[in-house]
C-alpha atoms as a PDB file:
ATOM      1  CA  MET A   1      30.734 -24.276 -15.317  1.00  0.00           C
ATOM      2  CA  ASN A   2      27.885 -26.773 -14.895  1.00  0.00           C
ATOM      3  CA  ILE A   3      24.741 -24.747 -14.084  1.00  0.00           C
ATOM      4  CA  SER A   4      21.053 -25.420 -13.455  1.00  0.00           C
ATOM      5  CA  LEU A   5      18.930 -22.298 -13.685  1.00  0.00           C
ATOM      6  CA  VAL A   6      16.019 -22.506 -11.199  1.00  0.00           C
ATOM      7  CA  ILE A   7      12.887 -20.359 -11.444  1.00  0.00           C
ATOM      8  CA  ILE A   8       9.992 -20.467  -8.984  1.00  0.00           C
ATOM      9  CA  SER A   9       6.661 -18.946  -9.938  1.00  0.00           C
ATOM     10  CA  LYS A  10       3.069 -18.426  -8.845  1.00  0.00           C
ATOM     11  CA  ASN A  11       0.403 -16.440 -10.697  1.00  0.00           C
ATOM     12  CA  HIS A  12       3.004 -14.820 -12.954  1.00  0.00           C
ATOM     13  CA  ARG A  13       2.364 -16.813 -16.123  1.00  0.00           C
ATOM     14  CA  PRO A  14       2.896 -13.889 -18.602  1.00  0.00           C
ATOM     15  CA  ASP A  15       6.145 -12.845 -16.890  1.00  0.00           C
ATOM     16  CA  LEU A  16       7.322 -16.438 -16.633  1.00  0.00           C
ATOM     17  CA  SER A  17       6.622 -17.107 -20.314  1.00  0.00           C
ATOM     18  CA  ARG A  18       8.532 -13.985 -21.346  1.00  0.00           C
ATOM     19  CA  LEU A  19      11.540 -14.906 -19.213  1.00  0.00           C
ATOM     20  CA  LEU A  20      11.573 -18.477 -20.496  1.00  0.00           C
ATOM     21  CA  GLN A  21      11.542 -17.251 -24.071  1.00  0.00           C
ATOM     22  CA  SER A  22      14.661 -15.190 -23.349  1.00  0.00           C
ATOM     23  CA  LEU A  23      16.348 -18.082 -21.569  1.00  0.00           C
ATOM     24  CA  VAL A  24      15.630 -20.637 -24.277  1.00  0.00           C
ATOM     25  CA  GLU A  25      17.439 -18.416 -26.778  1.00  0.00           C
ATOM     26  CA  LEU A  26      20.360 -18.050 -24.361  1.00  0.00           C
ATOM     27  CA  LYS A  27      20.369 -21.755 -23.502  1.00  0.00           C
ATOM     28  CA  ALA A  28      21.148 -22.655 -27.106  1.00  0.00           C
ATOM     29  CA  GLU A  29      24.491 -20.865 -26.700  1.00  0.00           C
ATOM     30  CA  ALA A  30      25.321 -21.471 -23.025  1.00  0.00           C
ATOM     31  CA  GLY A  31      23.945 -24.990 -22.562  1.00  0.00           C
ATOM     32  CA  PHE A  32      22.584 -24.639 -19.026  1.00  0.00           C
ATOM     33  CA  GLU A  33      19.669 -26.614 -17.603  1.00  0.00           C
ATOM     34  CA  ILE A  34      16.367 -24.832 -16.838  1.00  0.00           C
ATOM     35  CA  VAL A  35      14.232 -26.004 -13.913  1.00  0.00           C
ATOM     36  CA  VAL A  36      10.825 -24.370 -13.362  1.00  0.00           C
ATOM     37  CA  VAL A  37       8.773 -24.933 -10.213  1.00  0.00           C
ATOM     38  CA  GLU A  38       5.370 -23.377 -10.768  1.00  0.00           C
ATOM     39  CA  ALA A  39       2.538 -23.291  -8.258  1.00  0.00           C
ATOM     40  CA  THR A  40      -0.545 -23.309 -10.451  1.00  0.00           C
ATOM     41  CA  ASP A  41      -3.826 -25.063 -11.088  1.00  0.00           C
ATOM     42  CA  GLU A  42      -3.379 -24.772 -14.865  1.00  0.00           C
ATOM     43  CA  ASP A  43      -2.510 -27.954 -16.722  1.00  0.00           C
ATOM     44  CA  ASP A  44      -0.578 -26.724 -19.738  1.00  0.00           C
ATOM     45  CA  LEU A  45       3.193 -27.051 -19.920  1.00  0.00           C
ATOM     46  CA  VAL A  46       4.862 -23.636 -20.018  1.00  0.00           C
ATOM     47  CA  CYS A  47       8.161 -24.551 -21.638  1.00  0.00           C
ATOM     48  CA  PRO A  48       9.057 -27.907 -23.234  1.00  0.00           C
ATOM     49  CA  ALA A  49      12.747 -26.911 -23.080  1.00  0.00           C
ATOM     50  CA  ALA A  50      12.643 -26.760 -19.277  1.00  0.00           C
ATOM     51  CA  LYS A  51      12.429 -29.411 -16.579  1.00  0.00           C
ATOM     52  CA  TYR A  52       8.954 -28.436 -15.442  1.00  0.00           C
ATOM     53  CA  ILE A  53       7.560 -29.186 -11.978  1.00  0.00           C
ATOM     54  CA  ARG A  54       3.979 -28.212 -11.270  1.00  0.00           C
ATOM     55  CA  ILE A  55       2.516 -28.140  -7.769  1.00  0.00           C
ATOM     56  CA  PRO A  56      -0.982 -27.087  -6.629  1.00  0.00           C
ATOM     57  CA  ALA A  57      -1.283 -23.357  -6.009  1.00  0.00           C
ATOM     58  CA  GLU A  58      -2.280 -23.877  -2.380  1.00  0.00           C
ATOM     59  CA  LYS A  59       1.007 -25.707  -1.689  1.00  0.00           C
ATOM     60  CA  SER A  60       3.186 -22.834  -2.871  1.00  0.00           C
ATOM     61  CA  GLY A  61       5.928 -21.366  -0.718  1.00  0.00           C
ATOM     62  CA  PHE A  62       9.268 -19.682  -1.316  1.00  0.00           C
ATOM     63  CA  GLY A  63      11.304 -22.245   0.623  1.00  0.00           C
ATOM     64  CA  CYS A  64       9.319 -25.246  -0.583  1.00  0.00           C
ATOM     65  CA  GLN A  65       9.582 -24.268  -4.261  1.00  0.00           C
ATOM     66  CA  ARG A  66      13.287 -23.397  -4.051  1.00  0.00           C
ATOM     67  CA  ASN A  67      14.010 -26.746  -2.382  1.00  0.00           C
ATOM     68  CA  LEU A  68      12.103 -28.572  -5.111  1.00  0.00           C
ATOM     69  CA  GLY A  69      14.064 -26.680  -7.735  1.00  0.00           C
ATOM     70  CA  ALA A  70      17.396 -27.440  -6.069  1.00  0.00           C
ATOM     71  CA  LYS A  71      16.494 -31.107  -5.548  1.00  0.00           C
ATOM     72  CA  ASN A  72      15.650 -31.557  -9.236  1.00  0.00           C
ATOM     73  CA  ALA A  73      18.678 -29.599 -10.487  1.00  0.00           C
ATOM     74  CA  SER A  74      21.367 -31.863 -11.884  1.00  0.00           C
ATOM     75  CA  ALA A  75      24.222 -29.333 -12.021  1.00  0.00           C
ATOM     76  CA  GLU A  76      26.909 -28.484  -9.472  1.00  0.00           C
ATOM     77  CA  PHE A  77      25.858 -24.840  -9.376  1.00  0.00           C
ATOM     78  CA  ILE A  78      22.319 -23.443  -9.111  1.00  0.00           C
ATOM     79  CA  LEU A  79      21.418 -20.058 -10.557  1.00  0.00           C
ATOM     80  CA  PHE A  80      18.235 -18.702  -8.974  1.00  0.00           C
ATOM     81  CA  VAL A  81      16.323 -16.159 -11.064  1.00  0.00           C
ATOM     82  CA  ASP A  82      12.938 -14.582 -10.275  1.00  0.00           C
ATOM     83  CA  ASP A  83      10.189 -15.137 -12.808  1.00  0.00           C
ATOM     84  CA  ASP A  84       9.506 -11.427 -13.363  1.00  0.00           C
ATOM     85  CA  VAL A  85      13.014 -10.205 -14.218  1.00  0.00           C
ATOM     86  CA  VAL A  86      14.221  -8.894 -17.559  1.00  0.00           C
ATOM     87  CA  LEU A  87      17.768  -9.883 -18.464  1.00  0.00           C
ATOM     88  CA  ALA A  88      20.317  -7.262 -19.469  1.00  0.00           C
ATOM     89  CA  PRO A  89      22.673  -8.041 -22.393  1.00  0.00           C
ATOM     90  CA  GLY A  90      25.696 -10.046 -21.247  1.00  0.00           C
ATOM     91  CA  TRP A  91      24.108 -10.838 -17.880  1.00  0.00           C
ATOM     92  CA  TYR A  92      24.694 -14.599 -17.916  1.00  0.00           C
ATOM     93  CA  SER A  93      28.260 -14.582 -19.228  1.00  0.00           C
ATOM     94  CA  ARG A  94      29.249 -11.878 -16.730  1.00  0.00           C
ATOM     95  CA  LEU A  95      27.756 -13.706 -13.738  1.00  0.00           C
ATOM     96  CA  VAL A  96      29.282 -17.052 -14.704  1.00  0.00           C
ATOM     97  CA  SER A  97      32.709 -15.606 -15.459  1.00  0.00           C
ATOM     98  CA  THR A  98      32.754 -13.925 -12.050  1.00  0.00           C
ATOM     99  CA  ALA A  99      31.728 -17.171 -10.338  1.00  0.00           C
ATOM    100  CA  GLU A 100      34.556 -18.977 -12.124  1.00  0.00           C
ATOM    101  CA  ALA A 101      37.098 -16.262 -11.295  1.00  0.00           C
ATOM    102  CA  GLU A 102      36.011 -16.138  -7.646  1.00  0.00           C
ATOM    103  CA  GLY A 103      36.497 -19.857  -7.134  1.00  0.00           C
ATOM    104  CA  ASP A 104      36.959 -19.553  -3.374  1.00  0.00           C
ATOM    105  CA  SER A 105      33.491 -18.014  -2.936  1.00  0.00           C
ATOM    106  CA  LEU A 106      30.298 -19.999  -2.279  1.00  0.00           C
ATOM    107  CA  GLY A 107      28.249 -18.004  -4.767  1.00  0.00           C
ATOM    108  CA  VAL A 108      27.830 -14.747  -6.673  1.00  0.00           C
ATOM    109  CA  MET A 109      24.918 -12.311  -6.679  1.00  0.00           C
ATOM    110  CA  GLY A 110      24.317  -9.936  -9.572  1.00  0.00           C
ATOM    111  CA  ALA A 111      22.821  -6.445  -9.576  1.00  0.00           C
ATOM    112  CA  VAL A 112      19.092  -5.668  -9.683  1.00  0.00           C
ATOM    113  CA  PHE A 113      17.609  -2.441 -11.051  1.00  0.00           C
ATOM    114  CA  PRO A 114      13.901  -1.519 -11.165  1.00  0.00           C
ATOM    115  CA  LEU A 115      12.372  -1.856 -14.635  1.00  0.00           C
ATOM    116  CA  GLU A 116      10.823   1.395 -15.941  1.00  0.00           C
ATOM    117  CA  PRO A 117      10.181   2.708 -12.419  1.00  0.00           C
ATOM    118  CA  SER A 118       7.765   5.404 -11.365  1.00  0.00           C
ATOM    119  CA  LEU A 119       8.900   7.821  -8.656  1.00  0.00           C
ATOM    120  CA  VAL A 120       7.758   5.298  -6.039  1.00  0.00           C
ATOM    121  CA  GLY A 121       9.493   2.389  -7.774  1.00  0.00           C
ATOM    122  CA  PHE A 122      12.675   4.429  -8.135  1.00  0.00           C
ATOM    123  CA  CYS A 123      12.683   5.251  -4.414  1.00  0.00           C
ATOM    124  CA  GLU A 124      12.250   1.556  -3.660  1.00  0.00           C
ATOM    125  CA  GLY A 125      15.430   0.919  -5.637  1.00  0.00           C
ATOM    126  CA  VAL A 126      17.241   3.648  -3.685  1.00  0.00           C
ATOM    127  CA  LEU A 127      16.181   1.913  -0.471  1.00  0.00           C
ATOM    128  CA  GLY A 128      17.933  -1.204  -1.759  1.00  0.00           C
ATOM    129  CA  HIS A 129      14.942  -3.298  -2.690  1.00  0.00           C
ATOM    130  CA  PRO A 130      14.819  -5.765  -4.104  1.00  0.00           C
ATOM    131  CA  GLY A 131      18.194  -7.472  -4.334  1.00  0.00           C
ATOM    132  CA  GLY A 132      20.233  -4.488  -3.198  1.00  0.00           C
ATOM    133  CA  GLY A 133      18.788  -2.141  -5.817  1.00  0.00           C
ATOM    134  CA  PHE A 134      20.645   1.077  -6.520  1.00  0.00           C
ATOM    135  CA  ARG A 135      22.036   1.168  -2.966  1.00  0.00           C
ATOM    136  CA  LEU A 136      24.215  -1.926  -3.203  1.00  0.00           C
ATOM    137  CA  HIS A 137      25.196  -1.131  -6.781  1.00  0.00           C
ATOM    138  CA  HIS A 138      26.451   2.291  -5.678  1.00  0.00           C
ATOM    139  CA  ALA A 139      28.280   0.865  -2.661  1.00  0.00           C
ATOM    140  CA  ALA A 140      30.185  -1.530  -4.919  1.00  0.00           C
ATOM    141  CA  GLN A 141      31.586   1.347  -7.012  1.00  0.00           C
ATOM    142  CA  GLY A 142      31.995  -0.943  -9.995  1.00  0.00           C
ATOM    143  CA  ARG A 143      34.037  -3.511  -8.061  1.00  0.00           C
ATOM    144  CA  ILE A 144      33.296  -7.128  -7.212  1.00  0.00           C
ATOM    145  CA  CYS A 145      32.864  -7.075  -3.453  1.00  0.00           C
ATOM    146  CA  PRO A 146      32.277  -9.606  -0.636  1.00  0.00           C
ATOM    147  CA  LEU A 147      28.846 -10.281   0.855  1.00  0.00           C
ATOM    148  CA  SER A 148      27.513 -12.330   3.729  1.00  0.00           C
ATOM    149  CA  GLN A 149      23.873 -12.225   2.583  1.00  0.00           C
ATOM    150  CA  VAL A 150      22.440 -12.666  -0.889  1.00  0.00           C
ATOM    151  CA  ALA A 151      19.007 -12.396  -2.477  1.00  0.00           C
ATOM    152  CA  THR A 152      17.983 -15.371  -4.576  1.00  0.00           C
ATOM    153  CA  LEU A 153      16.476 -13.408  -7.451  1.00  0.00           C
ATOM    154  CA  ASN A 154      19.809 -13.222  -9.324  1.00  0.00           C
ATOM    155  CA  THR A 155      22.351 -15.469  -7.603  1.00  0.00           C
ATOM    156  CA  ILE A 156      24.557 -18.478  -8.328  1.00  0.00           C
ATOM    157  CA  MET A 157      25.115 -20.823  -5.370  1.00  0.00           C
ATOM    158  CA  LYS A 158      26.839 -24.166  -4.971  1.00  0.00           C
ATOM    159  CA  LYS A 159      24.254 -26.912  -4.693  1.00  0.00           C
ATOM    160  CA  SER A 160      26.391 -28.765  -2.148  1.00  0.00           C
ATOM    161  CA  VAL A 161      26.382 -25.727   0.150  1.00  0.00           C
ATOM    162  CA  ILE A 162      22.588 -25.496   0.018  1.00  0.00           C
ATOM    163  CA  GLU A 163      22.344 -29.177   0.909  1.00  0.00           C
ATOM    164  CA  GLU A 164      24.931 -29.002   3.698  1.00  0.00           C
ATOM    165  CA  VAL A 165      22.984 -26.325   5.609  1.00  0.00           C
ATOM    166  CA  GLY A 166      19.696 -28.194   5.226  1.00  0.00           C
ATOM    167  CA  GLY A 167      18.177 -26.295   2.307  1.00  0.00           C
ATOM    168  CA  PHE A 168      15.709 -23.443   2.489  1.00  0.00           C
ATOM    169  CA  ASP A 169      13.409 -23.164   5.501  1.00  0.00           C
ATOM    170  CA  GLU A 170       9.932 -24.059   4.265  1.00  0.00           C
ATOM    171  CA  GLN A 171       8.286 -22.630   7.399  1.00  0.00           C
ATOM    172  CA  LEU A 172       9.170 -19.039   6.465  1.00  0.00           C
ATOM    173  CA  LYS A 173       5.955 -18.404   4.586  1.00  0.00           C
ATOM    174  CA  TYR A 174       6.369 -14.621   4.358  1.00  0.00           C
ATOM    175  CA  GLY A 175       9.776 -14.737   2.674  1.00  0.00           C
ATOM    176  CA  SER A 176      13.351 -14.042   3.841  1.00  0.00           C
ATOM    177  CA  GLU A 177      14.190 -17.654   3.038  1.00  0.00           C
ATOM    178  CA  ASP A 178      17.265 -16.328   1.244  1.00  0.00           C
ATOM    179  CA  SER A 179      18.314 -14.215   4.249  1.00  0.00           C
ATOM    180  CA  ASP A 180      17.801 -17.219   6.516  1.00  0.00           C
ATOM    181  CA  ILE A 181      19.936 -19.578   4.432  1.00  0.00           C
ATOM    182  CA  SER A 182      22.592 -16.848   4.135  1.00  0.00           C
ATOM    183  CA  ILE A 183      22.722 -16.574   7.936  1.00  0.00           C
ATOM    184  CA  ARG A 184      23.084 -20.354   8.272  1.00  0.00           C
ATOM    185  CA  ILE A 185      25.789 -20.440   5.609  1.00  0.00           C
ATOM    186  CA  THR A 186      27.646 -17.641   7.404  1.00  0.00           C
ATOM    187  CA  LEU A 187      27.420 -19.512  10.716  1.00  0.00           C
ATOM    188  CA  LYS A 188      28.861 -22.637   9.079  1.00  0.00           C
ATOM    189  CA  TYR A 189      31.468 -21.195   6.718  1.00  0.00           C
ATOM    190  CA  GLY A 190      32.177 -17.709   8.098  1.00  0.00           C
ATOM    191  CA  PRO A 191      31.283 -14.215   6.829  1.00  0.00           C
ATOM    192  CA  ASN A 192      31.748 -12.733   3.361  1.00  0.00           C
ATOM    193  CA  LYS A 193      31.783 -16.038   1.482  1.00  0.00           C
ATOM    194  CA  PHE A 194      29.644 -14.639  -1.344  1.00  0.00           C
ATOM    195  CA  ARG A 195      30.493 -12.044  -3.979  1.00  0.00           C
ATOM    196  CA  TYR A 196      28.483  -9.208  -5.536  1.00  0.00           C
ATOM    197  CA  ASP A 197      29.052  -8.322  -9.186  1.00  0.00           C
ATOM    198  CA  PRO A 198      27.487  -4.952 -10.143  1.00  0.00           C
ATOM    199  CA  GLY A 199      27.942  -5.765 -13.828  1.00  0.00           C
ATOM    200  CA  ALA A 200      25.729  -8.883 -13.884  1.00  0.00           C
ATOM    201  CA  LEU A 201      22.496  -6.940 -14.196  1.00  0.00           C
ATOM    202  CA  VAL A 202      18.830  -7.893 -14.341  1.00  0.00           C
ATOM    203  CA  TYR A 203      15.794  -5.616 -14.202  1.00  0.00           C
ATOM    204  CA  HIS A 204      12.975  -6.355 -11.786  1.00  0.00           C
ATOM    205  CA  LYS A 205       9.386  -5.152 -12.025  1.00  0.00           C
ATOM    206  CA  PRO A 206       9.026  -2.557  -9.239  1.00  0.00           C
ATOM    207  CA  ARG A 207       6.049  -1.790  -7.027  1.00  0.00           C
ATOM    208  CA  ASN A 208       5.239   1.519  -8.670  1.00  0.00           C
ATOM    209  CA  ARG A 209       2.469   2.713  -6.354  1.00  0.00           C
ATOM    210  CA  ILE A 210       2.192   3.387  -2.632  1.00  0.00           C
ATOM    211  CA  ASP A 211      -0.695   0.924  -2.340  1.00  0.00           C
ATOM    212  CA  LYS A 212       1.660  -1.749  -3.705  1.00  0.00           C
ATOM    213  CA  ILE A 213       4.581  -0.808  -1.477  1.00  0.00           C
ATOM    214  CA  ILE A 214       2.592  -0.822   1.769  1.00  0.00           C
ATOM    215  CA  PRO A 215       1.526  -4.527   1.795  1.00  0.00           C
ATOM    216  CA  TRP A 216       4.944  -5.600   0.470  1.00  0.00           C
ATOM    217  CA  TYR A 217       6.808  -3.905   3.328  1.00  0.00           C
ATOM    218  CA  ILE A 218       4.325  -5.300   5.840  1.00  0.00           C
ATOM    219  CA  ARG A 219       5.079  -8.779   4.492  1.00  0.00           C
ATOM    220  CA  ARG A 220       8.814  -8.060   4.662  1.00  0.00           C
ATOM    221  CA  GLY A 221       8.358  -7.004   8.283  1.00  0.00           C
ATOM    222  CA  LYS A 222       6.595 -10.260   9.094  1.00  0.00           C
ATOM    223  CA  ALA A 223       9.414 -12.196   7.436  1.00  0.00           C
ATOM    224  CA  ASP A 224      11.989 -10.213   9.399  1.00  0.00           C
ATOM    225  CA  ALA A 225      10.201 -11.007  12.669  1.00  0.00           C
ATOM    226  CA  ASP A 226      10.503 -14.706  11.841  1.00  0.00           C
ATOM    227  CA  LEU A 227      14.255 -14.229  11.383  1.00  0.00           C
ATOM    228  CA  VAL A 228      14.509 -12.542  14.791  1.00  0.00           C
ATOM    229  CA  LEU A 229      12.716 -15.437  16.459  1.00  0.00           C
ATOM    230  CA  LYS A 230      14.957 -17.967  14.720  1.00  0.00           C
ATOM    231  CA  HIS A 231      18.343 -16.206  14.808  1.00  0.00           C
ATOM    232  CA  PRO A 232      19.415 -14.257  17.939  1.00  0.00           C
ATOM    233  CA  SER A 233      22.189 -12.654  15.867  1.00  0.00           C
ATOM    234  CA  HIS A 234      19.518 -10.861  13.821  1.00  0.00           C
ATOM    235  CA  ARG A 235      18.225  -8.910  16.830  1.00  0.00           C
ATOM    236  CA  ARG A 236      20.828  -6.173  16.454  1.00  0.00           C
ATOM    237  CA  TYR A 237      19.491  -5.340  12.982  1.00  0.00           C
ATOM    238  CA  PHE A 238      15.926  -5.562  14.317  1.00  0.00           C
ATOM    239  CA  PHE A 239      16.503  -2.851  16.900  1.00  0.00           C
ATOM    240  CA  SER A 240      18.828  -0.641  14.860  1.00  0.00           C
ATOM    241  CA  SER A 241      16.443  -0.494  11.893  1.00  0.00           C
ATOM    242  CA  SER A 242      13.198   0.102  13.794  1.00  0.00           C
ATOM    243  CA  ILE A 243      11.744   3.528  13.007  1.00  0.00           C
ATOM    244  CA  LEU A 244       9.178   3.256  15.809  1.00  0.00           C
ATOM    245  CA  LEU A 245      11.945   3.020  18.408  1.00  0.00           C
ATOM    246  CA  LYS A 246      13.131   6.400  17.114  1.00  0.00           C
ATOM    247  CA  ILE A 247       9.699   8.014  16.825  1.00  0.00           C
ATOM    248  CA  ILE A 248       8.269   7.012  20.207  1.00  0.00           C
ATOM    249  CA  PRO A 249      10.782   8.953  22.405  1.00  0.00           C
ATOM    250  CA  VAL A 250      10.347  12.060  20.250  1.00  0.00           C
ATOM    251  CA  ALA A 251       6.558  11.742  20.386  1.00  0.00           C
ATOM    252  CA  LEU A 252       6.644  11.333  24.180  1.00  0.00           C
ATOM    253  CA  LEU A 253       8.838  14.402  24.568  1.00  0.00           C
ATOM    254  CA  SER A 254       6.518  16.384  22.307  1.00  0.00           C
ATOM    255  CA  TRP A 255       3.513  15.260  24.373  1.00  0.00           C
ATOM    256  CA  ILE A 256       5.195  16.047  27.695  1.00  0.00           C
ATOM    257  CA  LEU A 257       6.161  19.532  26.544  1.00  0.00           C
ATOM    258  CA  GLN A 258       2.803  20.007  24.831  1.00  0.00           C
ATOM    259  CA  THR A 259       4.305  21.198  21.554  1.00  0.00           C
ATOM    260  CA  ALA A 260       4.138  19.812  18.040  1.00  0.00           C
ATOM    261  CA  TRP A 261       7.284  21.678  17.021  1.00  0.00           C
ATOM    262  CA  ILE A 262       9.496  18.931  18.390  1.00  0.00           C
ATOM    263  CA  MET A 263       7.878  16.324  16.120  1.00  0.00           C
ATOM    264  CA  ALA A 264       7.940  18.679  13.152  1.00  0.00           C
ATOM    265  CA  GLY A 265      11.558  19.640  13.756  1.00  0.00           C
ATOM    266  CA  ALA A 266      12.575  16.006  14.197  1.00  0.00           C
ATOM    267  CA  PHE A 267      10.918  15.066  10.888  1.00  0.00           C
ATOM    268  CA  ILE A 268      12.642  17.912   9.043  1.00  0.00           C
ATOM    269  CA  LEU A 269      16.006  16.919  10.517  1.00  0.00           C
ATOM    270  CA  TRP A 270      15.431  13.231   9.755  1.00  0.00           C
ATOM    271  CA  SER A 271      14.334  14.020   6.190  1.00  0.00           C
ATOM    272  CA  SER A 272      17.445  16.118   5.614  1.00  0.00           C
ATOM    273  CA  LEU A 273      19.650  13.305   6.875  1.00  0.00           C
ATOM    274  CA  GLN A 274      17.935  10.819   4.546  1.00  0.00           C
ATOM    275  CA  LEU A 275      18.552  13.047   1.534  1.00  0.00           C
ATOM    276  CA  ILE A 276      22.198  13.427   2.523  1.00  0.00           C
ATOM    277  CA  ARG A 277      22.717   9.711   3.119  1.00  0.00           C
ATOM    278  CA  ASN A 278      20.966   8.785  -0.108  1.00  0.00           C
ATOM    279  CA  ARG A 279      22.331  11.532  -2.322  1.00  0.00           C
ATOM    280  CA  PHE A 280      23.756   8.813  -4.560  1.00  0.00           C
ATOM    281  CA  MET A 281      20.247   8.513  -6.045  1.00  0.00           C
ATOM    282  CA  ARG A 282      21.164  11.394  -8.360  1.00  0.00           C
ATOM    283  CA  ASP A 283      23.632   9.084 -10.095  1.00  0.00           C
ATOM    284  CA  TYR A 284      20.722   6.859 -11.173  1.00  0.00           C
ATOM    285  CA  PHE A 285      18.231   9.435 -12.454  1.00  0.00           C
ATOM    286  CA  LYS A 286      19.500   8.855 -16.000  1.00  0.00           C
ATOM    287  CA  THR A 287      18.997   5.126 -15.595  1.00  0.00           C
ATOM    288  CA  ALA A 288      15.308   5.777 -14.887  1.00  0.00           C
ATOM    289  CA  HIS A 289      15.096   8.399 -17.664  1.00  0.00           C
ATOM    290  CA  PHE A 290      13.954  11.098 -15.235  1.00  0.00           C
ATOM    291  CA  GLY A 291      13.843  14.681 -16.457  1.00  0.00           C
ATOM    292  CA  ARG A 292      14.403  17.731 -14.249  1.00  0.00           C
ATOM    293  CA  ALA A 293      10.830  17.869 -12.960  1.00  0.00           C
ATOM    294  CA  LYS A 294      10.811  14.207 -11.919  1.00  0.00           C
ATOM    295  CA  ARG A 295      14.234  14.529 -10.331  1.00  0.00           C
ATOM    296  CA  ALA A 296      13.098  17.449  -8.189  1.00  0.00           C
ATOM    297  CA  LEU A 297       9.869  15.696  -7.243  1.00  0.00           C
ATOM    298  CA  CYS A 298      11.782  12.543  -6.321  1.00  0.00           C
ATOM    299  CA  LEU A 299      13.963  14.484  -3.876  1.00  0.00           C
ATOM    300  CA  ILE A 300      10.820  15.934  -2.294  1.00  0.00           C
ATOM    301  CA  LEU A 301       8.957  12.623  -2.047  1.00  0.00           C
ATOM    302  CA  PHE A 302      11.796  10.323  -1.029  1.00  0.00           C
ATOM    303  CA  PRO A 303      11.757  11.012   2.754  1.00  0.00           C
ATOM    304  CA  GLY A 304       8.017  10.373   2.912  1.00  0.00           C
ATOM    305  CA  ILE A 305       8.292   7.133   0.931  1.00  0.00           C
ATOM    306  CA  LYS A 306      11.148   5.944   3.140  1.00  0.00           C
ATOM    307  CA  LEU A 307       9.188   6.791   6.278  1.00  0.00           C
ATOM    308  CA  THR A 308       6.174   4.888   4.936  1.00  0.00           C
ATOM    309  CA  ALA A 309       8.324   1.870   4.070  1.00  0.00           C
ATOM    310  CA  ASP A 310      10.028   1.876   7.487  1.00  0.00           C
ATOM    311  CA  LEU A 311       6.722   2.222   9.341  1.00  0.00           C
ATOM    312  CA  MET A 312       5.097  -0.601   7.391  1.00  0.00           C
ATOM    313  CA  PHE A 313       8.171  -2.748   8.017  1.00  0.00           C
ATOM    314  CA  ASP A 314       7.692  -2.221  11.759  1.00  0.00           C
ATOM    315  CA  VAL A 315       3.937  -2.834  11.495  1.00  0.00           C
ATOM    316  CA  GLY A 316       4.627  -6.184   9.864  1.00  0.00           C
ATOM    317  CA  ARG A 317       7.109  -7.071  12.593  1.00  0.00           C
ATOM    318  CA  ILE A 318       4.621  -6.206  15.345  1.00  0.00           C
ATOM    319  CA  LEU A 319       1.778  -8.127  13.706  1.00  0.00           C
ATOM    320  CA  ARG A 320       3.929 -11.225  13.342  1.00  0.00           C
ATOM    321  CA  LEU A 321       5.426 -11.077  16.822  1.00  0.00           C
ATOM    322  CA  CYS A 322       1.976 -10.638  18.381  1.00  0.00           C
ATOM    323  CA  ARG A 323       0.701 -13.640  16.442  1.00  0.00           C
ATOM    324  CA  ARG A 324       3.658 -15.794  17.464  1.00  0.00           C
ATOM    325  CA  SER A 325       3.516 -14.796  21.149  1.00  0.00           C
END
């Protein structure tokens, strides 16, 4: 399979250098092309073995950099990899072999686990971020399964498909450029044209603190609002996933009846449901090397971390929608 591996980067020079070192060793065996699009004001060349494209830091953008990478890729297939991932043994051969075996698909996404996560970073993986995290990996149950949306941090896609839908949207400055192109591909080719391989694993640096998670989910919310404004089909997810639309009626009822017990009871019930729905997290405690104390603390903290993430997601949506109105 003819593959160009595309990496976009900004202000991640140590991570990028580490990844490139791993890829150069792998390239000697596999023979793929490496294309790096780095937004930086530094002049030095990161990797002589890569096709290196440098743009000014102020001109960076997810869609812009991915389009530059795809435009300068010479292969039939493009493998997008984030600059801060760590590759698991056998990752490349597994992903490529699945792409070859699933010849009727338009691309294949591999699994993403958090790298050495804290309790917060582990919970982020349970929530399915980034790239499906533990949630999508568990749902697959070890099988290659169909997908309609992929994350471009560990995904092979046909270059011709990217070109036929007009490339990545460079106006989506907050992200979700991969969700947007997935929606457009689905509209053109139909649903479930991608595949997910839980065995093609990379590790991603997690946001290991609450003060890191909060701005990231706000940005994700802003990106999601842009998708709603662009794609009417995305509105169903917008409303079904909003935590504020669930909290507001309960808060109004609590205010009308002048009792805080309704809010407290609703939170306890909601927290219990989250632990039940996400009980699969126990299957991944060993992956994170959590002992008994950390496992117990994770079960206690998870509902609060999920609530924080959901609230910040809605905050980002509101901020973006107000700015666009």
